[in-house]
């Protein structure tokens, strides 16, 4: 007695694996965004501790460039806002992927359960 997997079940399994890979990619992106946010918040915290006339340098590729405290602070706040928006977008995408994964899982379970019932009959 050979047990062949029906084409529909194979297709659903492939979709499930694809959704799982998308979820993993989103989790990686979210971790990177969270890390960037933490770095920005730390830098802003350090800027607050400095005197207004303190000498500040920022990274530009491989170089450290002298900059003005206020302009660097504005730049960091803008970058933080962008990263927060990106994090919210990723969270919404993760939620959609999670729902799609559950939906596919339920469909797969019912297809497997249905296939098992037809073999018994």
Protein backbone atom coordinates (compact mmCIF):
# COMPACT_ATOMS: atom_id res chain seq x y z
CA UNK A 1 0.00 0.00 0.00
CA UNK A 2 1.73 3.16 -1.22
CA UNK A 3 0.73 6.52 0.17
CA UNK A 4 0.91 9.16 -2.55
CA UNK A 5 0.49 12.75 -1.51
CA UNK A 6 -2.28 14.38 -3.55
CA UNK A 7 -1.26 17.33 -5.75
CA UNK A 8 -3.46 19.71 -3.73
CA UNK A 9 -1.71 18.74 -0.49
CA UNK A 10 1.71 19.09 -2.13
CA UNK A 11 0.74 22.57 -3.33
CA UNK A 12 -0.48 23.55 0.15
CA UNK A 13 2.74 22.25 1.69
CA UNK A 14 4.77 24.33 -0.75
CA UNK A 15 2.71 27.42 0.09
CA UNK A 16 3.16 26.75 3.80
CA UNK A 17 6.93 26.52 3.37
CA UNK A 18 6.97 29.73 1.33
CA UNK A 19 5.00 31.59 4.00
CA UNK A 20 7.34 30.24 6.66
CA UNK A 21 10.35 31.55 4.71
CA UNK A 22 8.66 34.95 4.37
CA UNK A 23 8.07 35.00 8.12
CA UNK A 24 11.73 34.24 8.76
CA UNK A 25 12.83 37.02 6.37
CA UNK A 26 10.51 39.49 8.10
CA UNK A 27 11.85 38.47 11.50
CA UNK A 28 15.40 39.13 10.28
CA UNK A 29 14.44 42.53 8.90
CA UNK A 30 12.63 43.40 12.12
CA UNK A 31 15.69 42.46 14.17
CA UNK A 32 17.86 44.72 12.01
CA UNK A 33 15.43 47.62 12.34
CA UNK A 34 15.18 47.11 16.11
CA UNK A 35 18.97 47.10 16.36
CA UNK A 36 19.19 50.34 14.36
CA UNK A 37 16.53 51.92 16.55
CA UNK A 38 18.42 50.96 19.70
CA UNK A 39 21.63 52.47 18.31
CA UNK A 40 19.85 55.70 17.36
CA UNK A 41 18.20 55.99 20.77
CA UNK A 42 21.55 55.42 22.46
CA UNK A 43 23.19 58.09 20.29
CA UNK A 44 20.38 60.56 21.05
CA UNK A 45 20.78 59.83 24.74
CA UNK A 46 24.48 60.56 24.54
CA UNK A 47 23.85 63.78 22.59
CA UNK A 48 21.57 65.01 25.38
CA UNK A 49 24.39 64.60 27.89
CA UNK A 50 26.79 66.79 25.88
CA UNK A 51 27.20 70.54 26.09
CA UNK A 52 25.79 72.47 23.15
CA UNK A 53 29.31 73.47 22.06
CA UNK A 54 30.77 69.95 22.24
CA UNK A 55 32.68 68.69 19.20
CA UNK A 56 30.75 65.86 17.54
CA UNK A 57 31.71 63.53 14.72
CA UNK A 58 29.49 61.25 12.68
CA UNK A 59 30.24 58.26 10.50
CA UNK A 60 30.01 58.74 6.77
CA UNK A 61 31.14 55.48 5.25
CA UNK A 62 34.72 54.94 6.36
CA UNK A 63 35.16 58.55 7.53
CA UNK A 64 34.37 60.49 10.67
CA UNK A 65 33.05 63.93 9.77
CA UNK A 66 32.80 66.82 12.20
CA UNK A 67 29.24 68.08 12.52
CA UNK A 68 27.05 70.45 14.46
CA UNK A 69 25.18 69.03 17.43
CA UNK A 70 21.79 70.40 16.37
CA UNK A 71 21.95 69.17 12.78
CA UNK A 72 23.15 65.74 13.88
CA UNK A 73 20.35 65.56 16.45
CA UNK A 74 17.75 66.47 13.80
CA UNK A 75 19.20 63.87 11.45
CA UNK A 76 19.08 61.17 14.14
CA UNK A 77 15.49 62.02 15.07
CA UNK A 78 14.42 61.81 11.43
CA UNK A 79 16.19 58.49 11.07
CA UNK A 80 14.52 57.26 14.26
CA UNK A 81 11.09 58.24 12.93
CA UNK A 82 11.77 56.41 9.67
CA UNK A 83 12.90 53.28 11.55
CA UNK A 84 9.83 53.38 13.79
CA UNK A 85 7.58 53.53 10.73
CA UNK A 86 9.50 50.64 9.18
CA UNK A 87 9.12 48.63 12.41
CA UNK A 88 5.34 49.21 12.42
CA UNK A 89 5.12 48.16 8.78
CA UNK A 90 7.06 44.99 9.52
CA UNK A 91 4.80 44.22 12.48
CA UNK A 92 1.71 44.51 10.25
CA UNK A 93 3.36 42.28 7.63
CA UNK A 94 4.25 39.75 10.32
CA UNK A 95 0.64 39.68 11.49
CA UNK A 96 -0.64 39.08 7.94
CA UNK A 97 1.93 36.32 7.42
CA UNK A 98 1.00 34.74 10.77
CA UNK A 99 -2.70 34.70 9.79
CA UNK A 100 -1.88 33.27 6.36
CA UNK A 101 0.28 30.59 7.96
CA UNK A 102 -2.54 29.58 10.30
CA UNK A 103 -5.01 29.54 7.42
CA UNK A 104 -2.77 27.33 5.31
CA UNK A 105 -2.09 25.06 8.27
CA UNK A 106 -5.83 24.58 8.85
CA UNK A 107 -6.45 23.92 5.14
CA UNK A 108 -3.63 21.40 5.09
CA UNK A 109 -4.90 19.64 8.19
CA UNK A 110 -8.41 19.39 6.77
CA UNK A 111 -7.06 18.15 3.43
CA UNK A 112 -4.97 15.50 5.17
CA UNK A 113 -7.87 14.59 7.43
CA UNK A 114 -10.21 14.44 4.43
CA UNK A 115 -7.78 12.27 2.49
CA UNK A 116 -7.44 9.92 5.43
CA UNK A 117 -11.22 9.60 5.69
CA UNK A 118 -11.61 8.73 2.01
CA UNK A 119 -8.98 5.99 2.25
CA UNK A 120 -10.78 4.36 5.17
CA UNK A 121 -14.14 4.34 3.37
